[in-house]
All heavy atoms as atom14 arrays in JSON, in Angstrom:
{
  "sequence": "TADELNTKRKEHEANKETFIYNWHNRLELNNSLSLSAEAVKAKLD",
  "atom14_mask": [
    [1, 1, 1, 1, 1, 1, 1, 0, 0, 0, 0, 0, 0, 0],
    [1, 1, 1, 1, 1, 0, 0, 0, 0, 0, 0, 0, 0, 0],
    [1, 1, 1, 1, 1, 1, 1, 1, 0, 0, 0, 0, 0, 0],
    [1, 1, 1, 1, 1, 1, 1, 1, 1, 0, 0, 0, 0, 0],
    [1, 1, 1, 1, 1, 1, 1, 1, 0, 0, 0, 0, 0, 0],
    [1, 1, 1, 1, 1, 1, 1, 1, 0, 0, 0, 0, 0, 0],
    [1, 1, 1, 1, 1, 1, 1, 0, 0, 0, 0, 0, 0, 0],
    [1, 1, 1, 1, 1, 1, 1, 1, 1, 0, 0, 0, 0, 0],
    [1, 1, 1, 1, 1, 1, 1, 1, 1, 1, 1, 0, 0, 0],
    [1, 1, 1, 1, 1, 1, 1, 1, 1, 0, 0, 0, 0, 0],
    [1, 1, 1, 1, 1, 1, 1, 1, 1, 0, 0, 0, 0, 0],
    [1, 1, 1, 1, 1, 1, 1, 1, 1, 1, 0, 0, 0, 0],
    [1, 1, 1, 1, 1, 1, 1, 1, 1, 0, 0, 0, 0, 0],
    [1, 1, 1, 1, 1, 0, 0, 0, 0, 0, 0, 0, 0, 0],
    [1, 1, 1, 1, 1, 1, 1, 1, 0, 0, 0, 0, 0, 0],
    [1, 1, 1, 1, 1, 1, 1, 1, 1, 0, 0, 0, 0, 0],
    [1, 1, 1, 1, 1, 1, 1, 1, 1, 0, 0, 0, 0, 0],
    [1, 1, 1, 1, 1, 1, 1, 0, 0, 0, 0, 0, 0, 0],
    [1, 1, 1, 1, 1, 1, 1, 1, 1, 1, 1, 0, 0, 0],
    [1, 1, 1, 1, 1, 1, 1, 1, 0, 0, 0, 0, 0, 0],
    [1, 1, 1, 1, 1, 1, 1, 1, 1, 1, 1, 1, 0, 0],
    [1, 1, 1, 1, 1, 1, 1, 1, 0, 0, 0, 0, 0, 0],
    [1, 1, 1, 1, 1, 1, 1, 1, 1, 1, 1, 1, 1, 1],
    [1, 1, 1, 1, 1, 1, 1, 1, 1, 1, 0, 0, 0, 0],
    [1, 1, 1, 1, 1, 1, 1, 1, 0, 0, 0, 0, 0, 0],
    [1, 1, 1, 1, 1, 1, 1, 1, 1, 1, 1, 0, 0, 0],
    [1, 1, 1, 1, 1, 1, 1, 1, 0, 0, 0, 0, 0, 0],
    [1, 1, 1, 1, 1, 1, 1, 1, 1, 0, 0, 0, 0, 0],
    [1, 1, 1, 1, 1, 1, 1, 1, 0, 0, 0, 0, 0, 0],
    [1, 1, 1, 1, 1, 1, 1, 1, 0, 0, 0, 0, 0, 0],
    [1, 1, 1, 1, 1, 1, 1, 1, 0, 0, 0, 0, 0, 0],
    [1, 1, 1, 1, 1, 1, 0, 0, 0, 0, 0, 0, 0, 0],
    [1, 1, 1, 1, 1, 1, 1, 1, 0, 0, 0, 0, 0, 0],
    [1, 1, 1, 1, 1, 1, 0, 0, 0, 0, 0, 0, 0, 0],
    [1, 1, 1, 1, 1, 1, 1, 1, 0, 0, 0, 0, 0, 0],
    [1, 1, 1, 1, 1, 1, 0, 0, 0, 0, 0, 0, 0, 0],
    [1, 1, 1, 1, 1, 0, 0, 0, 0, 0, 0, 0, 0, 0],
    [1, 1, 1, 1, 1, 1, 1, 1, 1, 0, 0, 0, 0, 0],
    [1, 1, 1, 1, 1, 0, 0, 0, 0, 0, 0, 0, 0, 0],
    [1, 1, 1, 1, 1, 1, 1, 0, 0, 0, 0, 0, 0, 0],
    [1, 1, 1, 1, 1, 1, 1, 1, 1, 0, 0, 0, 0, 0],
    [1, 1, 1, 1, 1, 0, 0, 0, 0, 0, 0, 0, 0, 0],
    [1, 1, 1, 1, 1, 1, 1, 1, 1, 0, 0, 0, 0, 0],
    [1, 1, 1, 1, 1, 1, 1, 1, 0, 0, 0, 0, 0, 0],
    [1, 1, 1, 1, 1, 1, 1, 1, 0, 0, 0, 0, 0, 0]
  ],
  "atom14_positions": [
    [[159.58, -62.32, 100.81], [160.99, -62.18, 101.16], [161.05, -61.39, 102.51], [160.08, -60.82, 102.98], [161.72, -61.27, 100.07], [161.06, -59.97, 100.1], [161.52, -61.94, 98.71], [0.0, 0.0, 0.0], [0.0, 0.0, 0.0], [0.0, 0.0, 0.0], [0.0, 0.0, 0.0], [0.0, 0.0, 0.0], [0.0, 0.0, 0.0], [0.0, 0.0, 0.0]],
    [[162.24, -61.46, 103.07], [162.46, -60.78, 104.37], [162.19, -59.28, 104.25], [161.65, -58.68, 105.18], [163.91, -61.04, 104.82], [0.0, 0.0, 0.0], [0.0, 0.0, 0.0], [0.0, 0.0, 0.0], [0.0, 0.0, 0.0], [0.0, 0.0, 0.0], [0.0, 0.0, 0.0], [0.0, 0.0, 0.0], [0.0, 0.0, 0.0], [0.0, 0.0, 0.0]],
    [[162.54, -58.68, 103.07], [162.37, -57.28, 102.9], [160.9, -56.96, 102.85], [160.45, -55.95, 103.37], [163.06, -56.82, 101.6], [164.56, -56.75, 101.77], [165.03, -56.7, 102.93], [165.28, -56.75, 100.81], [0.0, 0.0, 0.0], [0.0, 0.0, 0.0], [0.0, 0.0, 0.0], [0.0, 0.0, 0.0], [0.0, 0.0, 0.0], [0.0, 0.0, 0.0]],
    [[160.09, -57.77, 102.16], [158.67, -57.53, 102.01], [158.0, -57.65, 103.37], [157.12, -56.7, 103.76], [158.08, -58.61, 101.1], [158.4, -58.46, 99.68], [157.97, -59.65, 98.76], [157.65, -60.68, 99.26], [157.9, -59.42, 97.52], [0.0, 0.0, 0.0], [0.0, 0.0, 0.0], [0.0, 0.0, 0.0], [0.0, 0.0, 0.0], [0.0, 0.0, 0.0]],
    [[158.42, -58.58, 104.19], [157.78, -58.75, 105.48], [158.23, -57.63, 106.4], [157.38, -57.1, 107.29], [158.19, -60.1, 106.15], [157.64, -61.32, 105.49], [158.18, -62.58, 106.15], [156.2, -61.3, 105.55], [0.0, 0.0, 0.0], [0.0, 0.0, 0.0], [0.0, 0.0, 0.0], [0.0, 0.0, 0.0], [0.0, 0.0, 0.0], [0.0, 0.0, 0.0]],
    [[159.47, -57.13, 106.35], [159.89, -55.97, 107.14], [159.15, -54.72, 106.77], [158.84, -53.94, 107.7], [161.38, -55.77, 107.0], [162.29, -56.74, 107.73], [161.85, -57.24, 108.72], [163.46, -56.98, 107.23], [0.0, 0.0, 0.0], [0.0, 0.0, 0.0], [0.0, 0.0, 0.0], [0.0, 0.0, 0.0], [0.0, 0.0, 0.0], [0.0, 0.0, 0.0]],
    [[158.88, -54.59, 105.52], [158.08, -53.41, 105.09], [156.72, -53.46, 105.67], [156.18, -52.43, 106.23], [157.95, -53.38, 103.56], [159.25, -53.28, 102.99], [157.13, -52.21, 103.09], [0.0, 0.0, 0.0], [0.0, 0.0, 0.0], [0.0, 0.0, 0.0], [0.0, 0.0, 0.0], [0.0, 0.0, 0.0], [0.0, 0.0, 0.0], [0.0, 0.0, 0.0]],
    [[156.07, -54.62, 105.73], [154.72, -54.84, 106.26], [154.76, -54.51, 107.84], [153.85, -53.86, 108.33], [154.26, -56.2, 106.08], [153.86, -56.5, 104.62], [152.54, -55.78, 104.21], [152.17, -56.07, 102.8], [150.98, -55.25, 102.42], [0.0, 0.0, 0.0], [0.0, 0.0, 0.0], [0.0, 0.0, 0.0], [0.0, 0.0, 0.0], [0.0, 0.0, 0.0]],
    [[155.8, -55.01, 108.47], [155.9, -54.71, 109.93], [156.07, -53.22, 110.15], [155.43, -52.68, 111.1], [157.2, -55.41, 110.53], [156.96, -56.95, 110.56], [158.04, -57.56, 111.34], [157.97, -59.12, 111.22], [158.6, -59.82, 110.32], [159.46, -59.27, 109.49], [158.45, -61.17, 110.29], [0.0, 0.0, 0.0], [0.0, 0.0, 0.0], [0.0, 0.0, 0.0]],
    [[156.84, -52.51, 109.49], [157.03, -51.06, 109.61], [155.73, -50.31, 109.32], [155.41, -49.33, 110.07], [158.2, -50.54, 108.73], [159.59, -51.01, 109.19], [160.65, -50.52, 108.19], [162.02, -51.04, 108.71], [163.12, -50.69, 107.75], [0.0, 0.0, 0.0], [0.0, 0.0, 0.0], [0.0, 0.0, 0.0], [0.0, 0.0, 0.0], [0.0, 0.0, 0.0]],
    [[155.01, -50.73, 108.35], [153.73, -50.1, 108.04], [152.77, -50.25, 109.23], [152.05, -49.28, 109.56], [153.09, -50.71, 106.81], [153.76, -50.35, 105.5], [153.22, -51.15, 104.32], [152.29, -51.98, 104.52], [153.69, -50.92, 103.19], [0.0, 0.0, 0.0], [0.0, 0.0, 0.0], [0.0, 0.0, 0.0], [0.0, 0.0, 0.0], [0.0, 0.0, 0.0]],
    [[152.73, -51.45, 109.82], [151.92, -51.71, 110.93], [152.36, -50.86, 112.17], [151.53, -50.31, 112.91], [151.84, -53.14, 111.36], [150.9, -53.95, 110.41], [151.07, -54.18, 109.1], [149.7, -54.51, 110.77], [150.18, -54.9, 108.62], [149.21, -55.1, 109.57], [0.0, 0.0, 0.0], [0.0, 0.0, 0.0], [0.0, 0.0, 0.0], [0.0, 0.0, 0.0]],
    [[153.73, -50.83, 112.36], [154.31, -50.11, 113.52], [153.89, -48.51, 113.43], [153.59, -47.92, 114.43], [155.85, -50.23, 113.57], [156.25, -51.62, 114.05], [157.76, -51.87, 113.92], [158.41, -50.87, 113.62], [158.17, -52.96, 114.18], [0.0, 0.0, 0.0], [0.0, 0.0, 0.0], [0.0, 0.0, 0.0], [0.0, 0.0, 0.0], [0.0, 0.0, 0.0]],
    [[153.96, -48.06, 112.14], [153.61, -46.68, 112.0], [152.17, -46.41, 112.36], [151.81, -45.23, 112.79], [153.76, -46.3, 110.47], [0.0, 0.0, 0.0], [0.0, 0.0, 0.0], [0.0, 0.0, 0.0], [0.0, 0.0, 0.0], [0.0, 0.0, 0.0], [0.0, 0.0, 0.0], [0.0, 0.0, 0.0], [0.0, 0.0, 0.0], [0.0, 0.0, 0.0]],
    [[151.29, -47.34, 112.26], [149.88, -47.24, 112.69], [149.72, -47.75, 114.08], [148.6, -47.9, 114.56], [148.96, -48.0, 111.69], [149.0, -47.4, 110.33], [149.04, -46.2, 110.14], [149.05, -48.25, 109.26], [0.0, 0.0, 0.0], [0.0, 0.0, 0.0], [0.0, 0.0, 0.0], [0.0, 0.0, 0.0], [0.0, 0.0, 0.0], [0.0, 0.0, 0.0]],
    [[150.77, -48.0, 114.76], [150.77, -48.49, 116.22], [149.97, -49.79, 116.24], [149.14, -50.11, 117.15], [150.14, -47.41, 117.1], [150.97, -46.2, 117.2], [150.45, -45.21, 118.22], [151.38, -44.01, 118.34], [150.87, -43.05, 119.24], [0.0, 0.0, 0.0], [0.0, 0.0, 0.0], [0.0, 0.0, 0.0], [0.0, 0.0, 0.0], [0.0, 0.0, 0.0]],
    [[150.3, -50.7, 115.21], [149.65, -52.04, 115.23], [150.74, -53.03, 115.15], [151.95, -52.79, 114.81], [148.78, -52.15, 113.94], [147.56, -51.21, 113.92], [146.85, -51.21, 112.55], [147.41, -51.7, 111.6], [145.64, -50.75, 112.55], [0.0, 0.0, 0.0], [0.0, 0.0, 0.0], [0.0, 0.0, 0.0], [0.0, 0.0, 0.0], [0.0, 0.0, 0.0]],
    [[150.42, -54.32, 115.42], [151.39, -55.46, 115.45], [151.03, -56.24, 114.22], [149.89, -56.62, 113.93], [151.19, -56.37, 116.68], [151.47, -55.54, 117.84], [152.17, -57.47, 116.56], [0.0, 0.0, 0.0], [0.0, 0.0, 0.0], [0.0, 0.0, 0.0], [0.0, 0.0, 0.0], [0.0, 0.0, 0.0], [0.0, 0.0, 0.0], [0.0, 0.0, 0.0]],
    [[152.03, -56.45, 113.42], [151.9, -57.35, 112.14], [151.71, -58.76, 112.55], [152.67, -59.34, 113.17], [153.02, -57.09, 111.24], [153.03, -57.95, 110.07], [152.1, -57.75, 108.99], [153.94, -59.01, 109.85], [152.07, -58.56, 107.93], [153.91, -59.87, 108.75], [152.93, -59.67, 107.78], [0.0, 0.0, 0.0], [0.0, 0.0, 0.0], [0.0, 0.0, 0.0]],
    [[150.65, -59.46, 112.14], [150.44, -60.83, 112.31], [150.09, -61.37, 110.98], [149.16, -60.96, 110.29], [149.33, -61.14, 113.33], [149.59, -60.46, 114.69], [149.11, -62.61, 113.44], [148.49, -60.69, 115.7], [0.0, 0.0, 0.0], [0.0, 0.0, 0.0], [0.0, 0.0, 0.0], [0.0, 0.0, 0.0], [0.0, 0.0, 0.0], [0.0, 0.0, 0.0]],
    [[150.8, -62.45, 110.54], [150.58, -63.1, 109.23], [149.46, -64.18, 109.53], [149.83, -65.31, 110.03], [151.9, -63.7, 108.8], [151.96, -64.07, 107.33], [153.08, -63.6, 106.59], [151.03, -64.8, 106.65], [153.16, -63.89, 105.18], [151.11, -65.13, 105.31], [152.19, -64.74, 104.62], [152.31, -64.99, 103.25], [0.0, 0.0, 0.0], [0.0, 0.0, 0.0]],
    [[148.24, -63.87, 109.19], [147.24, -64.9, 109.38], [145.97, -64.55, 108.45], [146.1, -63.92, 107.46], [146.83, -65.0, 110.87], [146.16, -63.74, 111.38], [145.92, -62.8, 110.68], [145.91, -63.81, 112.66], [0.0, 0.0, 0.0], [0.0, 0.0, 0.0], [0.0, 0.0, 0.0], [0.0, 0.0, 0.0], [0.0, 0.0, 0.0], [0.0, 0.0, 0.0]],
    [[144.82, -65.03, 108.93], [143.59, -65.02, 108.09], [143.24, -63.62, 107.6], [142.73, -63.43, 106.51], [142.44, -65.57, 108.92], [142.18, -64.73, 110.19], [142.76, -64.9, 111.37], [141.26, -63.57, 110.29], [142.33, -63.99, 112.22], [141.47, -63.16, 111.6], [140.45, -62.93, 109.4], [140.69, -62.05, 112.13], [139.67, -61.93, 109.86], [139.85, -61.44, 111.23]],
    [[143.59, -62.62, 108.44], [143.16, -61.29, 108.0], [143.92, -60.57, 106.9], [143.48, -59.56, 106.33], [143.06, -60.3, 109.27], [144.32, -59.67, 109.61], [145.42, -60.33, 110.24], [144.78, -58.38, 109.37], [146.38, -59.42, 110.4], [146.05, -58.3, 109.94], [0.0, 0.0, 0.0], [0.0, 0.0, 0.0], [0.0, 0.0, 0.0], [0.0, 0.0, 0.0]],
    [[145.14, -61.11, 106.56], [145.91, -60.49, 105.59], [146.56, -61.43, 104.58], [147.31, -61.03, 103.61], [146.97, -59.49, 106.21], [147.98, -60.3, 107.03], [147.93, -61.58, 107.08], [148.77, -59.56, 107.81], [0.0, 0.0, 0.0], [0.0, 0.0, 0.0], [0.0, 0.0, 0.0], [0.0, 0.0, 0.0], [0.0, 0.0, 0.0], [0.0, 0.0, 0.0]],
    [[146.47, -62.75, 104.81], [147.27, -63.68, 104.06], [146.81, -63.66, 102.46], [147.69, -63.98, 101.66], [147.15, -65.08, 104.52], [145.8, -65.72, 104.68], [145.84, -66.97, 105.55], [144.48, -67.54, 105.86], [144.24, -68.18, 106.99], [145.2, -68.46, 107.93], [143.04, -68.61, 107.17], [0.0, 0.0, 0.0], [0.0, 0.0, 0.0], [0.0, 0.0, 0.0]],
    [[145.55, -63.31, 102.17], [145.24, -63.25, 100.79], [145.8, -62.02, 100.11], [145.75, -61.9, 98.88], [143.72, -63.17, 100.68], [143.03, -64.56, 101.07], [141.48, -64.38, 100.99], [143.5, -65.7, 100.29], [0.0, 0.0, 0.0], [0.0, 0.0, 0.0], [0.0, 0.0, 0.0], [0.0, 0.0, 0.0], [0.0, 0.0, 0.0], [0.0, 0.0, 0.0]],
    [[146.41, -61.12, 100.82], [147.06, -59.99, 100.31], [148.57, -60.08, 100.17], [149.24, -59.2, 99.73], [146.75, -58.73, 101.13], [145.29, -58.47, 101.35], [145.03, -57.46, 102.46], [145.99, -56.89, 102.98], [143.85, -57.36, 102.96], [0.0, 0.0, 0.0], [0.0, 0.0, 0.0], [0.0, 0.0, 0.0], [0.0, 0.0, 0.0], [0.0, 0.0, 0.0]],
    [[149.06, -61.21, 100.67], [150.57, -61.41, 100.71], [150.98, -62.41, 99.61], [150.17, -62.97, 98.9], [150.84, -61.87, 102.11], [150.54, -60.9, 103.19], [150.79, -61.46, 104.66], [151.51, -59.65, 103.1], [0.0, 0.0, 0.0], [0.0, 0.0, 0.0], [0.0, 0.0, 0.0], [0.0, 0.0, 0.0], [0.0, 0.0, 0.0], [0.0, 0.0, 0.0]],
    [[152.29, -62.6, 99.49], [152.92, -63.33, 98.43], [152.92, -64.85, 98.77], [153.91, -65.38, 99.26], [154.26, -62.79, 98.21], [154.91, -63.33, 96.93], [154.24, -64.05, 96.1], [156.2, -63.1, 96.74], [0.0, 0.0, 0.0], [0.0, 0.0, 0.0], [0.0, 0.0, 0.0], [0.0, 0.0, 0.0], [0.0, 0.0, 0.0], [0.0, 0.0, 0.0]],
    [[151.82, -65.56, 98.59], [151.76, -66.89, 98.95], [150.83, -67.76, 98.04], [150.11, -67.15, 97.19], [151.25, -67.07, 100.39], [149.96, -66.42, 100.65], [148.96, -66.74, 100.07], [149.88, -65.44, 101.62], [0.0, 0.0, 0.0], [0.0, 0.0, 0.0], [0.0, 0.0, 0.0], [0.0, 0.0, 0.0], [0.0, 0.0, 0.0], [0.0, 0.0, 0.0]],
    [[150.7, -69.04, 98.27], [149.96, -69.9, 97.34], [148.5, -69.72, 97.54], [147.69, -70.29, 96.69], [150.34, -71.34, 97.48], [150.1, -71.77, 98.88], [0.0, 0.0, 0.0], [0.0, 0.0, 0.0], [0.0, 0.0, 0.0], [0.0, 0.0, 0.0], [0.0, 0.0, 0.0], [0.0, 0.0, 0.0], [0.0, 0.0, 0.0], [0.0, 0.0, 0.0]],
    [[148.08, -69.03, 98.52], [146.62, -68.75, 98.69], [146.17, -67.63, 97.87], [144.99, -67.48, 97.45], [146.25, -68.49, 100.18], [146.56, -69.67, 101.1], [146.27, -69.23, 102.61], [145.77, -70.91, 100.81], [0.0, 0.0, 0.0], [0.0, 0.0, 0.0], [0.0, 0.0, 0.0], [0.0, 0.0, 0.0], [0.0, 0.0, 0.0], [0.0, 0.0, 0.0]],
    [[147.04, -66.63, 97.63], [146.72, -65.36, 96.92], [147.14, -65.45, 95.47], [146.6, -64.7, 94.63], [147.42, -64.21, 97.56], [148.85, -64.38, 97.47], [0.0, 0.0, 0.0], [0.0, 0.0, 0.0], [0.0, 0.0, 0.0], [0.0, 0.0, 0.0], [0.0, 0.0, 0.0], [0.0, 0.0, 0.0], [0.0, 0.0, 0.0], [0.0, 0.0, 0.0]],
    [[148.02, -66.39, 95.12], [148.5, -66.54, 93.71], [147.72, -67.65, 93.02], [147.14, -68.56, 93.61], [150.01, -66.81, 93.7], [150.94, -65.88, 94.36], [152.31, -66.45, 94.52], [150.96, -64.56, 93.53], [0.0, 0.0, 0.0], [0.0, 0.0, 0.0], [0.0, 0.0, 0.0], [0.0, 0.0, 0.0], [0.0, 0.0, 0.0], [0.0, 0.0, 0.0]],
    [[147.78, -67.59, 91.68], [147.11, -68.64, 90.98], [147.99, -69.88, 90.96], [149.2, -69.87, 91.3], [146.99, -68.2, 89.4], [148.38, -68.04, 88.87], [0.0, 0.0, 0.0], [0.0, 0.0, 0.0], [0.0, 0.0, 0.0], [0.0, 0.0, 0.0], [0.0, 0.0, 0.0], [0.0, 0.0, 0.0], [0.0, 0.0, 0.0], [0.0, 0.0, 0.0]],
    [[147.39, -71.03, 90.68], [148.09, -72.31, 90.66], [149.19, -72.34, 89.63], [150.35, -72.86, 89.99], [147.11, -73.44, 90.39], [0.0, 0.0, 0.0], [0.0, 0.0, 0.0], [0.0, 0.0, 0.0], [0.0, 0.0, 0.0], [0.0, 0.0, 0.0], [0.0, 0.0, 0.0], [0.0, 0.0, 0.0], [0.0, 0.0, 0.0], [0.0, 0.0, 0.0]],
    [[149.08, -71.58, 88.49], [150.12, -71.52, 87.52], [151.34, -70.74, 88.1], [152.52, -71.06, 87.88], [149.57, -70.85, 86.3], [148.64, -71.62, 85.5], [147.22, -71.63, 86.14], [147.01, -70.83, 87.03], [146.38, -72.45, 85.73], [0.0, 0.0, 0.0], [0.0, 0.0, 0.0], [0.0, 0.0, 0.0], [0.0, 0.0, 0.0], [0.0, 0.0, 0.0]],
    [[150.97, -69.63, 88.78], [152.09, -68.82, 89.32], [152.83, -69.46, 90.43], [154.07, -69.39, 90.48], [151.42, -67.44, 89.89], [0.0, 0.0, 0.0], [0.0, 0.0, 0.0], [0.0, 0.0, 0.0], [0.0, 0.0, 0.0], [0.0, 0.0, 0.0], [0.0, 0.0, 0.0], [0.0, 0.0, 0.0], [0.0, 0.0, 0.0], [0.0, 0.0, 0.0]],
    [[152.14, -70.28, 91.25], [152.81, -70.98, 92.3], [153.71, -72.05, 91.66], [154.84, -72.21, 92.11], [151.74, -71.67, 93.19], [152.43, -72.56, 94.2], [150.88, -70.64, 93.95], [0.0, 0.0, 0.0], [0.0, 0.0, 0.0], [0.0, 0.0, 0.0], [0.0, 0.0, 0.0], [0.0, 0.0, 0.0], [0.0, 0.0, 0.0], [0.0, 0.0, 0.0]],
    [[153.23, -72.73, 90.67], [154.02, -73.83, 90.05], [155.26, -73.18, 89.39], [156.41, -73.69, 89.51], [153.21, -74.48, 88.98], [153.94, -75.71, 88.31], [153.05, -76.39, 87.3], [153.62, -77.67, 86.71], [155.0, -77.43, 86.17], [0.0, 0.0, 0.0], [0.0, 0.0, 0.0], [0.0, 0.0, 0.0], [0.0, 0.0, 0.0], [0.0, 0.0, 0.0]],
    [[155.1, -72.0, 88.82], [156.3, -71.39, 88.15], [157.3, -71.01, 89.18], [158.51, -71.2, 88.99], [155.83, -70.13, 87.41], [0.0, 0.0, 0.0], [0.0, 0.0, 0.0], [0.0, 0.0, 0.0], [0.0, 0.0, 0.0], [0.0, 0.0, 0.0], [0.0, 0.0, 0.0], [0.0, 0.0, 0.0], [0.0, 0.0, 0.0], [0.0, 0.0, 0.0]],
    [[156.86, -70.49, 90.32], [157.87, -70.17, 91.37], [158.53, -71.39, 91.97], [159.76, -71.32, 92.17], [157.07, -69.48, 92.48], [156.66, -67.97, 92.25], [155.88, -67.35, 93.38], [155.52, -65.91, 93.11], [156.76, -65.01, 93.18], [0.0, 0.0, 0.0], [0.0, 0.0, 0.0], [0.0, 0.0, 0.0], [0.0, 0.0, 0.0], [0.0, 0.0, 0.0]],
    [[157.78, -72.43, 92.17], [158.44, -73.7, 92.66], [159.33, -74.26, 91.57], [160.49, -74.69, 92.03], [157.31, -74.68, 92.95], [156.45, -74.31, 94.17], [155.34, -75.41, 94.35], [157.21, -74.17, 95.51], [0.0, 0.0, 0.0], [0.0, 0.0, 0.0], [0.0, 0.0, 0.0], [0.0, 0.0, 0.0], [0.0, 0.0, 0.0], [0.0, 0.0, 0.0]],
    [[159.03, -74.24, 90.37], [159.83, -74.88, 89.33], [161.11, -74.04, 89.16], [162.16, -74.56, 88.76], [159.13, -74.88, 88.0], [157.98, -75.95, 88.07], [157.92, -76.83, 88.89], [157.1, -75.84, 87.05], [0.0, 0.0, 0.0], [0.0, 0.0, 0.0], [0.0, 0.0, 0.0], [0.0, 0.0, 0.0], [0.0, 0.0, 0.0], [0.0, 0.0, 0.0]]
  ]
}
């Protein structure tokens, strides 16, 4: 969600870092790569 992404950006800014959604953190975020196939299907349905 937008709120979830804003929270991540603020956490990175606090550490003087830039938030980039890619290989280094995508398995920790709310997406079909980090979720089970069942969970993804439930969200889509």
